[in-house]
Amino acid sequence: MSNGEQIVKANGVELCVESFGDPADPAILLIHGAGHSLLAWEEEFVDRLVAGGRQVIRYDSRDAGRSTGYPAGSPAYGLGDLVADAAALLDVLGITAAHVVGMSQGSAVAQLLALDHADRVASLTLASSTPGGPGHQNPDLPPVSQEIQELFANEPAEPDWSDRAAVIDYLVEAERPFAAHSRPFDTVGMRAAAERVLDRTADIAAQLTNPYLIDAGEPWRGRLGQIGAPTLVMHGTEDPLFPIGHGRALAAEIPGARFIPLEQTGHEVFPRHHWDRVIPAILDHTAGR
């Protein structure tokens, strides 16, 4: 059960945060990917973690949902600021150390949190990720799929951001190429999710633009061996953006990391058909720490 959304001041910005469960339980901090908001973590998914005896926190990063935003095309921050935001958010919430779960760009934030604020990270769970962060060149790792390369070269025109129906269509179609192709794309479910996202987002144009423009900073792949937090890496076998070799490399470069491949999964937040596997894995990984 949600304890309600609240706007808090952290690291000089306003972040919208929602917590679930008993604050006395071990805390899991969920960090969403670029272009998403806290709604990326479905409430039923969160509730099942809470039922396993965890306090769960989800929040909007800058430019997402109801948090501090910047004009579309002009984000006044870098990836390092998102890392500092997460650490400051734990301060505000009175959490000494959290079990950090990150997806895609959120996973990059989580990696740096574990490196630069090691005492704040009880464990790491990294999904749809790459060693050292997006935007850094790793020629030894598999390239982006041909389909996604073509998409990037011929990106669809932005919608009229004031046209609700057009924006919802745009949100749905933005996810389709990144989903696994071996299972049907849930257009109805994705459309319902897009409606919820749009209804609570202050500036949807900024949310879908700015996180992709920020500077990732210095590459940190060479530092991954310094991560001391127990780490679980989960990765879709059909990820077209970071093919599964990225996840395997990430797990290999973090000492003691465990790797779980997720069949019929693309570059997407844990799909529902894997919850019976993913949720127990996270609960097990965060137990007794």
C-alpha atoms as a PDB file:
ATOM      1  CA  MET A   1       0.000   0.000   0.000  1.00  0.00           C
ATOM      2  CA  SER A   2       1.335   3.410  -0.985  1.00  0.00           C
ATOM      3  CA  ASN A   3       2.178   5.962   1.656  1.00  0.00           C
ATOM      4  CA  GLY A   4       1.356   8.619  -0.972  1.00  0.00           C
ATOM      5  CA  GLU A   5       3.402  10.709  -3.367  1.00  0.00           C
ATOM      6  CA  GLN A   6       5.317  13.630  -1.917  1.00  0.00           C
ATOM      7  CA  ILE A   7       7.564  16.337  -3.340  1.00  0.00           C
ATOM      8  CA  VAL A   8      10.865  16.582  -1.470  1.00  0.00           C
ATOM      9  CA  LYS A   9      13.846  18.892  -1.862  1.00  0.00           C
ATOM     10  CA  ALA A  10      17.042  16.930  -2.538  1.00  0.00           C
ATOM     11  CA  ASN A  11      20.338  18.132  -3.969  1.00  0.00           C
ATOM     12  CA  GLY A  12      18.744  21.485  -4.779  1.00  0.00           C
ATOM     13  CA  VAL A  13      15.894  20.108  -6.889  1.00  0.00           C
ATOM     14  CA  GLU A  14      12.379  18.873  -6.233  1.00  0.00           C
ATOM     15  CA  LEU A  15      11.822  15.147  -6.618  1.00  0.00           C
ATOM     16  CA  CYS A  16       8.474  13.372  -6.532  1.00  0.00           C
ATOM     17  CA  VAL A  17       8.822  10.241  -4.419  1.00  0.00           C
ATOM     18  CA  GLU A  18       6.413   7.517  -3.375  1.00  0.00           C
ATOM     19  CA  SER A  19       7.117   4.933  -0.700  1.00  0.00           C
ATOM     20  CA  PHE A  20       5.345   1.679   0.040  1.00  0.00           C
ATOM     21  CA  GLY A  21       5.433  -0.653   3.027  1.00  0.00           C
ATOM     22  CA  ASP A  22       6.908  -0.461   6.506  1.00  0.00           C
ATOM     23  CA  PRO A  23       9.826   1.982   6.924  1.00  0.00           C
ATOM     24  CA  ALA A  24      11.277  -0.502   9.421  1.00  0.00           C
ATOM     25  CA  ASP A  25      11.766  -3.055   6.622  1.00  0.00           C
ATOM     26  CA  PRO A  26      14.881  -3.117   4.388  1.00  0.00           C
ATOM     27  CA  ALA A  27      14.550  -0.436   1.704  1.00  0.00           C
ATOM     28  CA  ILE A  28      14.567  -1.034  -2.046  1.00  0.00           C
ATOM     29  CA  LEU A  29      15.139   2.063  -4.196  1.00  0.00           C
ATOM     30  CA  LEU A  30      13.827   1.714  -7.755  1.00  0.00           C
ATOM     31  CA  ILE A  31      15.510   3.916 -10.412  1.00  0.00           C
ATOM     32  CA  HIS A  32      13.715   4.107 -13.780  1.00  0.00           C
ATOM     33  CA  GLY A  33      15.222   4.492 -17.235  1.00  0.00           C
ATOM     34  CA  ALA A  34      15.447   7.478 -19.577  1.00  0.00           C
ATOM     35  CA  GLY A  35      12.110   8.695 -20.884  1.00  0.00           C
ATOM     36  CA  HIS A  36      10.220   6.906 -18.125  1.00  0.00           C
ATOM     37  CA  SER A  37       8.872   7.983 -14.733  1.00  0.00           C
ATOM     38  CA  LEU A  38       8.176   6.247 -11.446  1.00  0.00           C
ATOM     39  CA  LEU A  39       5.170   4.612 -13.132  1.00  0.00           C
ATOM     40  CA  ALA A  40       7.597   2.352 -14.993  1.00  0.00           C
ATOM     41  CA  TRP A  41       7.532   0.282 -11.800  1.00  0.00           C
ATOM     42  CA  GLU A  42       3.961  -1.031 -11.750  1.00  0.00           C
ATOM     43  CA  GLU A  43       2.170  -0.851  -8.436  1.00  0.00           C
ATOM     44  CA  GLU A  44       1.399  -4.566  -8.424  1.00  0.00           C
ATOM     45  CA  PHE A  45       5.108  -5.321  -8.918  1.00  0.00           C
ATOM     46  CA  VAL A  46       5.930  -2.994  -6.014  1.00  0.00           C
ATOM     47  CA  ASP A  47       3.217  -4.529  -3.825  1.00  0.00           C
ATOM     48  CA  ARG A  48       4.684  -7.992  -4.297  1.00  0.00           C
ATOM     49  CA  LEU A  49       8.072  -6.761  -3.105  1.00  0.00           C
ATOM     50  CA  VAL A  50       6.367  -5.153  -0.108  1.00  0.00           C
ATOM     51  CA  ALA A  51       4.610  -8.458   0.620  1.00  0.00           C
ATOM     52  CA  GLY A  52       8.084  -9.985   0.814  1.00  0.00           C
ATOM     53  CA  GLY A  53       8.968  -7.697   3.697  1.00  0.00           C
ATOM     54  CA  ARG A  54      10.548  -4.746   1.943  1.00  0.00           C
ATOM     55  CA  GLN A  55       9.969  -1.017   2.033  1.00  0.00           C
ATOM     56  CA  VAL A  56       9.939   0.088  -1.606  1.00  0.00           C
ATOM     57  CA  ILE A  57      10.638   3.597  -2.908  1.00  0.00           C
ATOM     58  CA  ARG A  58      10.039   4.764  -6.469  1.00  0.00           C
ATOM     59  CA  TYR A  59      10.640   8.318  -7.666  1.00  0.00           C
ATOM     60  CA  ASP A  60      10.638  10.578 -10.699  1.00  0.00           C
ATOM     61  CA  SER A  61      14.127  11.579 -11.838  1.00  0.00           C
ATOM     62  CA  ARG A  62      14.669  15.114 -13.144  1.00  0.00           C
ATOM     63  CA  ASP A  63      12.467  15.906 -16.147  1.00  0.00           C
ATOM     64  CA  ALA A  64      10.224  12.935 -15.322  1.00  0.00           C
ATOM     65  CA  GLY A  65       6.694  12.989 -13.945  1.00  0.00           C
ATOM     66  CA  ARG A  66       6.326  15.644 -11.277  1.00  0.00           C
ATOM     67  CA  SER A  67       9.977  16.314 -10.478  1.00  0.00           C
ATOM     68  CA  THR A  68      11.999  19.408 -11.398  1.00  0.00           C
ATOM     69  CA  GLY A  69      12.125  19.840 -15.148  1.00  0.00           C
ATOM     70  CA  TYR A  70      13.942  21.883 -17.770  1.00  0.00           C
ATOM     71  CA  PRO A  71      12.895  23.165 -21.186  1.00  0.00           C
ATOM     72  CA  ALA A  72      12.751  20.356 -23.743  1.00  0.00           C
ATOM     73  CA  GLY A  73      16.117  20.185 -25.471  1.00  0.00           C
ATOM     74  CA  SER A  74      17.996  22.031 -22.708  1.00  0.00           C
ATOM     75  CA  PRO A  75      18.659  19.806 -19.671  1.00  0.00           C
ATOM     76  CA  ALA A  76      20.837  21.700 -17.183  1.00  0.00           C
ATOM     77  CA  TYR A  77      22.333  18.613 -15.547  1.00  0.00           C
ATOM     78  CA  GLY A  78      24.398  15.503 -16.241  1.00  0.00           C
ATOM     79  CA  LEU A  79      24.327  11.873 -15.197  1.00  0.00           C
ATOM     80  CA  GLY A  80      26.449  12.717 -12.163  1.00  0.00           C
ATOM     81  CA  ASP A  81      23.682  14.997 -10.898  1.00  0.00           C
ATOM     82  CA  LEU A  82      21.204  12.122 -11.078  1.00  0.00           C
ATOM     83  CA  VAL A  83      23.582  10.055  -8.933  1.00  0.00           C
ATOM     84  CA  ALA A  84      23.854  12.876  -6.383  1.00  0.00           C
ATOM     85  CA  ASP A  85      20.040  13.208  -6.446  1.00  0.00           C
ATOM     86  CA  ALA A  86      19.606   9.542  -5.514  1.00  0.00           C
ATOM     87  CA  ALA A  87      22.071   9.811  -2.617  1.00  0.00           C
ATOM     88  CA  ALA A  88      20.403  13.011  -1.395  1.00  0.00           C
ATOM     89  CA  LEU A  89      16.975  11.385  -1.640  1.00  0.00           C
ATOM     90  CA  LEU A  90      18.134   8.631   0.721  1.00  0.00           C
ATOM     91  CA  ASP A  91      19.271  11.364   3.125  1.00  0.00           C
ATOM     92  CA  VAL A  92      15.872  13.056   3.015  1.00  0.00           C
ATOM     93  CA  LEU A  93      14.101   9.752   3.624  1.00  0.00           C
ATOM     94  CA  GLY A  94      16.411   8.875   6.510  1.00  0.00           C
ATOM     95  CA  ILE A  95      17.679   5.709   4.811  1.00  0.00           C
ATOM     96  CA  THR A  96      21.289   4.855   5.593  1.00  0.00           C
ATOM     97  CA  ALA A  97      21.652   2.266   2.829  1.00  0.00           C
ATOM     98  CA  ALA A  98      19.207   0.897   0.255  1.00  0.00           C
ATOM     99  CA  HIS A  99      19.006  -2.080  -2.047  1.00  0.00           C
ATOM    100  CA  VAL A 100      19.215  -0.305  -5.394  1.00  0.00           C
ATOM    101  CA  VAL A 101      17.383  -1.619  -8.466  1.00  0.00           C
ATOM    102  CA  GLY A 102      18.102   0.232 -11.719  1.00  0.00           C
ATOM    103  CA  MET A 103      16.881  -0.218 -15.277  1.00  0.00           C
ATOM    104  CA  SER A 104      18.797   1.085 -18.324  1.00  0.00           C
ATOM    105  CA  GLN A 105      19.821   4.686 -17.522  1.00  0.00           C
ATOM    106  CA  GLY A 106      18.703   3.981 -13.955  1.00  0.00           C
ATOM    107  CA  SER A 107      21.185   1.126 -13.936  1.00  0.00           C
ATOM    108  CA  ALA A 108      23.952   3.544 -14.937  1.00  0.00           C
ATOM    109  CA  VAL A 109      22.946   5.754 -12.000  1.00  0.00           C
ATOM    110  CA  ALA A 110      22.976   2.676  -9.757  1.00  0.00           C
ATOM    111  CA  GLN A 111      26.471   1.633 -10.890  1.00  0.00           C
ATOM    112  CA  LEU A 112      27.857   5.081 -10.075  1.00  0.00           C
ATOM    113  CA  LEU A 113      25.966   5.187  -6.784  1.00  0.00           C
ATOM    114  CA  ALA A 114      27.698   1.940  -5.800  1.00  0.00           C
ATOM    115  CA  LEU A 115      31.089   3.354  -6.835  1.00  0.00           C
ATOM    116  CA  ASP A 116      30.861   6.900  -5.480  1.00  0.00           C
ATOM    117  CA  HIS A 117      28.507   6.387  -2.513  1.00  0.00           C
ATOM    118  CA  ALA A 118      29.350   2.790  -1.636  1.00  0.00           C
ATOM    119  CA  ASP A 119      28.123   3.080   1.950  1.00  0.00           C
ATOM    120  CA  ARG A 120      24.606   3.909   0.709  1.00  0.00           C
ATOM    121  CA  VAL A 121      24.197   0.743  -1.387  1.00  0.00           C
ATOM    122  CA  ALA A 122      23.330  -2.491   0.432  1.00  0.00           C
ATOM    123  CA  SER A 123      23.005  -4.407  -2.840  1.00  0.00           C
ATOM    124  CA  LEU A 124      22.679  -3.763  -6.567  1.00  0.00           C
ATOM    125  CA  THR A 125      20.233  -5.170  -9.097  1.00  0.00           C
ATOM    126  CA  LEU A 126      21.017  -4.018 -12.634  1.00  0.00           C
ATOM    127  CA  ALA A 127      18.682  -4.606 -15.574  1.00  0.00           C
ATOM    128  CA  SER A 128      18.896  -3.792 -19.306  1.00  0.00           C
ATOM    129  CA  SER A 129      22.329  -2.348 -18.685  1.00  0.00           C
ATOM    130  CA  THR A 130      25.810  -1.982 -20.108  1.00  0.00           C
ATOM    131  CA  PRO A 131      29.222  -1.800 -18.447  1.00  0.00           C
ATOM    132  CA  GLY A 132      30.159   1.795 -17.771  1.00  0.00           C
ATOM    133  CA  GLY A 133      27.014   3.462 -18.981  1.00  0.00           C
ATOM    134  CA  PRO A 134      25.201   4.452 -22.176  1.00  0.00           C
ATOM    135  CA  GLY A 135      26.951   6.689 -24.656  1.00  0.00           C
ATOM    136  CA  HIS A 136      30.419   5.304 -23.984  1.00  0.00           C
ATOM    137  CA  GLN A 137      32.183   3.394 -26.738  1.00  0.00           C
ATOM    138  CA  ASN A 138      32.750  -0.309 -26.054  1.00  0.00           C
ATOM    139  CA  PRO A 139      33.810  -1.817 -29.390  1.00  0.00           C
ATOM    140  CA  ASP A 140      34.311  -5.244 -27.805  1.00  0.00           C
ATOM    141  CA  LEU A 141      30.578  -5.503 -27.057  1.00  0.00           C
ATOM    142  CA  PRO A 142      27.790  -6.364 -29.541  1.00  0.00           C
ATOM    143  CA  PRO A 143      26.430  -3.371 -31.474  1.00  0.00           C
ATOM    144  CA  VAL A 144      22.907  -2.020 -31.384  1.00  0.00           C
ATOM    145  CA  SER A 145      20.581  -4.104 -33.573  1.00  0.00           C
ATOM    146  CA  GLN A 146      20.159  -3.155 -37.218  1.00  0.00           C
ATOM    147  CA  GLU A 147      16.507  -2.270 -36.602  1.00  0.00           C
ATOM    148  CA  ILE A 148      17.365   0.141 -33.795  1.00  0.00           C
ATOM    149  CA  GLN A 149      20.226   1.661 -35.807  1.00  0.00           C
ATOM    150  CA  GLU A 150      17.741   2.391 -38.595  1.00  0.00           C
ATOM    151  CA  LEU A 151      15.274   3.807 -36.076  1.00  0.00           C
ATOM    152  CA  PHE A 152      17.927   6.162 -34.693  1.00  0.00           C
ATOM    153  CA  ALA A 153      18.874   7.228 -38.231  1.00  0.00           C
ATOM    154  CA  ASN A 154      15.246   7.934 -39.158  1.00  0.00           C
ATOM    155  CA  GLU A 155      13.552   8.915 -35.933  1.00  0.00           C
ATOM    156  CA  PRO A 156       9.788   9.499 -36.198  1.00  0.00           C
ATOM    157  CA  ALA A 157       8.636  13.093 -36.097  1.00  0.00           C
ATOM    158  CA  GLU A 158       7.664  14.401 -32.686  1.00  0.00           C
ATOM    159  CA  PRO A 159       3.917  14.685 -32.173  1.00  0.00           C
ATOM    160  CA  ASP A 160       1.980  17.840 -31.418  1.00  0.00           C
ATOM    161  CA  TRP A 161       2.569  17.726 -27.664  1.00  0.00           C
ATOM    162  CA  SER A 162      -0.807  19.355 -27.048  1.00  0.00           C
ATOM    163  CA  ASP A 163      -2.636  16.539 -28.890  1.00  0.00           C
ATOM    164  CA  ARG A 164      -3.379  13.906 -26.253  1.00  0.00           C
ATOM    165  CA  ALA A 165      -4.227  11.110 -28.684  1.00  0.00           C
ATOM    166  CA  ALA A 166      -1.134  11.762 -30.801  1.00  0.00           C
ATOM    167  CA  VAL A 167       1.133  11.786 -27.750  1.00  0.00           C
ATOM    168  CA  ILE A 168      -0.315   8.502 -26.472  1.00  0.00           C
ATOM    169  CA  ASP A 169       0.242   6.920 -29.898  1.00  0.00           C
ATOM    170  CA  TYR A 170       3.803   8.248 -29.855  1.00  0.00           C
ATOM    171  CA  LEU A 171       4.473   6.822 -26.380  1.00  0.00           C
ATOM    172  CA  VAL A 172       3.193   3.397 -27.384  1.00  0.00           C
ATOM    173  CA  GLU A 173       5.120   3.276 -30.655  1.00  0.00           C
ATOM    174  CA  ALA A 174       8.303   4.467 -28.913  1.00  0.00           C
ATOM    175  CA  GLU A 175       8.279   1.273 -26.823  1.00  0.00           C
ATOM    176  CA  ARG A 176       7.380  -1.216 -29.562  1.00  0.00           C
ATOM    177  CA  PRO A 177      10.823  -1.533 -31.255  1.00  0.00           C
ATOM    178  CA  PHE A 178      12.525  -2.252 -27.933  1.00  0.00           C
ATOM    179  CA  ALA A 179      10.209  -5.061 -26.829  1.00  0.00           C
ATOM    180  CA  ALA A 180      10.915  -8.727 -27.482  1.00  0.00           C
ATOM    181  CA  HIS A 181       9.714  -9.752 -30.932  1.00  0.00           C
ATOM    182  CA  SER A 182       9.101 -13.368 -29.915  1.00  0.00           C
ATOM    183  CA  ARG A 183       5.945 -12.507 -27.985  1.00  0.00           C
ATOM    184  CA  PRO A 184       2.958 -10.316 -28.891  1.00  0.00           C
ATOM    185  CA  PHE A 185       3.342  -6.640 -28.076  1.00  0.00           C
ATOM    186  CA  ASP A 186       0.731  -5.642 -25.483  1.00  0.00           C
ATOM    187  CA  THR A 187      -0.662  -2.618 -27.323  1.00  0.00           C
ATOM    188  CA  VAL A 188      -3.724  -2.344 -25.064  1.00  0.00           C
ATOM    189  CA  GLY A 189      -1.696  -2.530 -21.853  1.00  0.00           C
ATOM    190  CA  MET A 190       0.932  -0.143 -23.216  1.00  0.00           C
ATOM    191  CA  ARG A 191      -1.747   2.359 -24.238  1.00  0.00           C
ATOM    192  CA  ALA A 192      -3.297   2.274 -20.745  1.00  0.00           C
ATOM    193  CA  ALA A 193       0.171   2.798 -19.249  1.00  0.00           C
ATOM    194  CA  ALA A 194       0.833   5.701 -21.630  1.00  0.00           C
ATOM    195  CA  GLU A 195      -2.404   7.383 -20.534  1.00  0.00           C
ATOM    196  CA  ARG A 196      -1.357   7.118 -16.871  1.00  0.00           C
ATOM    197  CA  VAL A 197       2.103   8.501 -17.670  1.00  0.00           C
ATOM    198  CA  LEU A 198       0.731  11.450 -19.637  1.00  0.00           C
ATOM    199  CA  ASP A 199      -1.822  12.341 -16.959  1.00  0.00           C
ATOM    200  CA  ARG A 200       0.824  12.853 -14.254  1.00  0.00           C
ATOM    201  CA  THR A 201       3.704  14.288 -16.276  1.00  0.00           C
ATOM    202  CA  ALA A 202       4.382  18.013 -16.029  1.00  0.00           C
ATOM    203  CA  ASP A 203       6.170  18.232 -19.411  1.00  0.00           C
ATOM    204  CA  ILE A 204       5.984  15.109 -21.550  1.00  0.00           C
ATOM    205  CA  ALA A 205       8.172  16.661 -24.266  1.00  0.00           C
ATOM    206  CA  ALA A 206      10.984  17.234 -21.763  1.00  0.00           C
ATOM    207  CA  GLN A 207      10.580  13.746 -20.281  1.00  0.00           C
ATOM    208  CA  LEU A 208      10.935  12.123 -23.696  1.00  0.00           C
ATOM    209  CA  THR A 209      13.794  14.368 -24.846  1.00  0.00           C
ATOM    210  CA  ASN A 210      16.107  15.625 -22.119  1.00  0.00           C
ATOM    211  CA  PRO A 211      17.289  12.393 -20.462  1.00  0.00           C
ATOM    212  CA  TYR A 212      18.797  11.319 -23.788  1.00  0.00           C
ATOM    213  CA  LEU A 213      20.772  14.553 -24.132  1.00  0.00           C
ATOM    214  CA  ILE A 214      22.639  14.568 -20.834  1.00  0.00           C
ATOM    215  CA  ASP A 215      26.382  14.074 -20.506  1.00  0.00           C
ATOM    216  CA  ALA A 216      27.255  10.654 -19.088  1.00  0.00           C
ATOM    217  CA  GLY A 217      30.592  11.968 -17.825  1.00  0.00           C
ATOM    218  CA  GLU A 218      33.845  10.025 -17.778  1.00  0.00           C
ATOM    219  CA  PRO A 219      33.603   6.325 -18.688  1.00  0.00           C
ATOM    220  CA  TRP A 220      33.681   4.141 -15.572  1.00  0.00           C
ATOM    221  CA  ARG A 221      33.814   0.626 -16.999  1.00  0.00           C
ATOM    222  CA  GLY A 222      37.373   0.297 -15.745  1.00  0.00           C
ATOM    223  CA  ARG A 223      36.165   0.948 -12.185  1.00  0.00           C
ATOM    224  CA  LEU A 224      33.518  -1.787 -12.074  1.00  0.00           C
ATOM    225  CA  GLY A 225      35.926  -4.122 -10.293  1.00  0.00           C
ATOM    226  CA  GLN A 226      35.780  -1.743  -7.322  1.00  0.00           C
ATOM    227  CA  ILE A 227      32.061  -2.363  -6.711  1.00  0.00           C
ATOM    228  CA  GLY A 228      31.731  -4.124  -3.382  1.00  0.00           C
ATOM    229  CA  ALA A 229      27.944  -4.342  -3.168  1.00  0.00           C
ATOM    230  CA  PRO A 230      26.453  -7.788  -3.858  1.00  0.00           C
ATOM    231  CA  THR A 231      25.237  -7.532  -7.439  1.00  0.00           C
ATOM    232  CA  LEU A 232      22.537  -9.237  -9.484  1.00  0.00           C
ATOM    233  CA  VAL A 233      22.428  -8.580 -13.239  1.00  0.00           C
ATOM    234  CA  MET A 234      19.292  -9.408 -15.236  1.00  0.00           C
ATOM    235  CA  HIS A 235      19.129  -8.933 -18.982  1.00  0.00           C
ATOM    236  CA  GLY A 236      16.708  -9.688 -21.791  1.00  0.00           C
ATOM    237  CA  THR A 237      17.882 -12.256 -24.316  1.00  0.00           C
ATOM    238  CA  GLU A 238      16.305 -10.110 -27.063  1.00  0.00           C
ATOM    239  CA  ASP A 239      17.548  -6.669 -25.964  1.00  0.00           C
ATOM    240  CA  PRO A 240      18.106  -4.759 -29.242  1.00  0.00           C
ATOM    241  CA  LEU A 241      19.743  -1.700 -27.657  1.00  0.00           C
ATOM    242  CA  PHE A 242      22.214  -3.480 -25.388  1.00  0.00           C
ATOM    243  CA  PRO A 243      22.394  -7.036 -26.730  1.00  0.00           C
ATOM    244  CA  ILE A 244      22.775  -9.643 -24.014  1.00  0.00           C
ATOM    245  CA  GLY A 245      26.576  -9.616 -24.296  1.00  0.00           C
ATOM    246  CA  HIS A 246      26.456  -6.252 -22.490  1.00  0.00           C
ATOM    247  CA  GLY A 247      24.724  -7.813 -19.501  1.00  0.00           C
ATOM    248  CA  ARG A 248      27.102 -10.768 -19.433  1.00  0.00           C
ATOM    249  CA  ALA A 249      30.116  -8.423 -19.561  1.00  0.00           C
ATOM    250  CA  LEU A 250      28.690  -6.271 -16.783  1.00  0.00           C
ATOM    251  CA  ALA A 251      28.231  -9.308 -14.545  1.00  0.00           C
ATOM    252  CA  ALA A 252      31.702 -10.588 -15.389  1.00  0.00           C
ATOM    253  CA  GLU A 253      33.349  -7.269 -14.478  1.00  0.00           C
ATOM    254  CA  ILE A 254      31.652  -6.784 -11.085  1.00  0.00           C
ATOM    255  CA  PRO A 255      33.195  -9.083  -8.482  1.00  0.00           C
ATOM    256  CA  GLY A 256      30.894 -11.954  -7.516  1.00  0.00           C
ATOM    257  CA  ALA A 257      27.953 -10.721  -9.588  1.00  0.00           C
ATOM    258  CA  ARG A 258      25.213 -13.198 -10.475  1.00  0.00           C
ATOM    259  CA  PHE A 259      23.692 -13.174 -13.966  1.00  0.00           C
ATOM    260  CA  ILE A 260      20.114 -14.111 -14.898  1.00  0.00           C
ATOM    261  CA  PRO A 261      19.083 -14.060 -18.576  1.00  0.00           C
ATOM    262  CA  LEU A 262      15.429 -13.219 -19.171  1.00  0.00           C
ATOM    263  CA  GLU A 263      13.960 -15.094 -22.139  1.00  0.00           C
ATOM    264  CA  GLN A 264      11.483 -13.336 -24.435  1.00  0.00           C
ATOM    265  CA  THR A 265      12.520  -9.960 -23.022  1.00  0.00           C
ATOM    266  CA  GLY A 266      13.823  -6.959 -24.911  1.00  0.00           C
ATOM    267  CA  HIS A 267      15.020  -3.594 -23.615  1.00  0.00           C
ATOM    268  CA  GLU A 268      12.049  -3.183 -21.310  1.00  0.00           C
ATOM    269  CA  VAL A 269      11.137  -2.995 -17.641  1.00  0.00           C
ATOM    270  CA  PHE A 270      10.652  -6.491 -16.208  1.00  0.00           C
ATOM    271  CA  PRO A 271       7.693  -7.838 -18.221  1.00  0.00           C
ATOM    272  CA  ARG A 272       4.842  -9.345 -16.260  1.00  0.00           C
ATOM    273  CA  HIS A 273       5.487 -12.874 -17.579  1.00  0.00           C
ATOM    274  CA  HIS A 274       8.778 -12.841 -15.634  1.00  0.00           C
ATOM    275  CA  TRP A 275       7.520 -11.465 -12.331  1.00  0.00           C
ATOM    276  CA  ASP A 276       7.278 -14.938 -10.769  1.00  0.00           C
ATOM    277  CA  ARG A 277      10.999 -15.291 -11.445  1.00  0.00           C
ATOM    278  CA  VAL A 278      12.240 -11.731 -11.023  1.00  0.00           C
ATOM    279  CA  ILE A 279      10.471 -10.831  -7.769  1.00  0.00           C
ATOM    280  CA  PRO A 280      11.704 -13.883  -5.799  1.00  0.00           C
ATOM    281  CA  ALA A 281      15.205 -13.273  -7.207  1.00  0.00           C
ATOM    282  CA  ILE A 282      15.176  -9.665  -5.940  1.00  0.00           C
ATOM    283  CA  LEU A 283      13.765 -10.709  -2.562  1.00  0.00           C
ATOM    284  CA  ASP A 284      16.437 -13.394  -2.241  1.00  0.00           C
ATOM    285  CA  HIS A 285      19.172 -10.993  -3.304  1.00  0.00           C
ATOM    286  CA  THR A 286      18.087  -8.376  -0.760  1.00  0.00           C
ATOM    287  CA  ALA A 287      17.536 -10.802   2.136  1.00  0.00           C
ATOM    288  CA  GLY A 288      19.659 -10.706   5.265  1.00  0.00           C
ATOM    289  CA  ARG A 289      21.753  -7.712   4.279  1.00  0.00           C
END
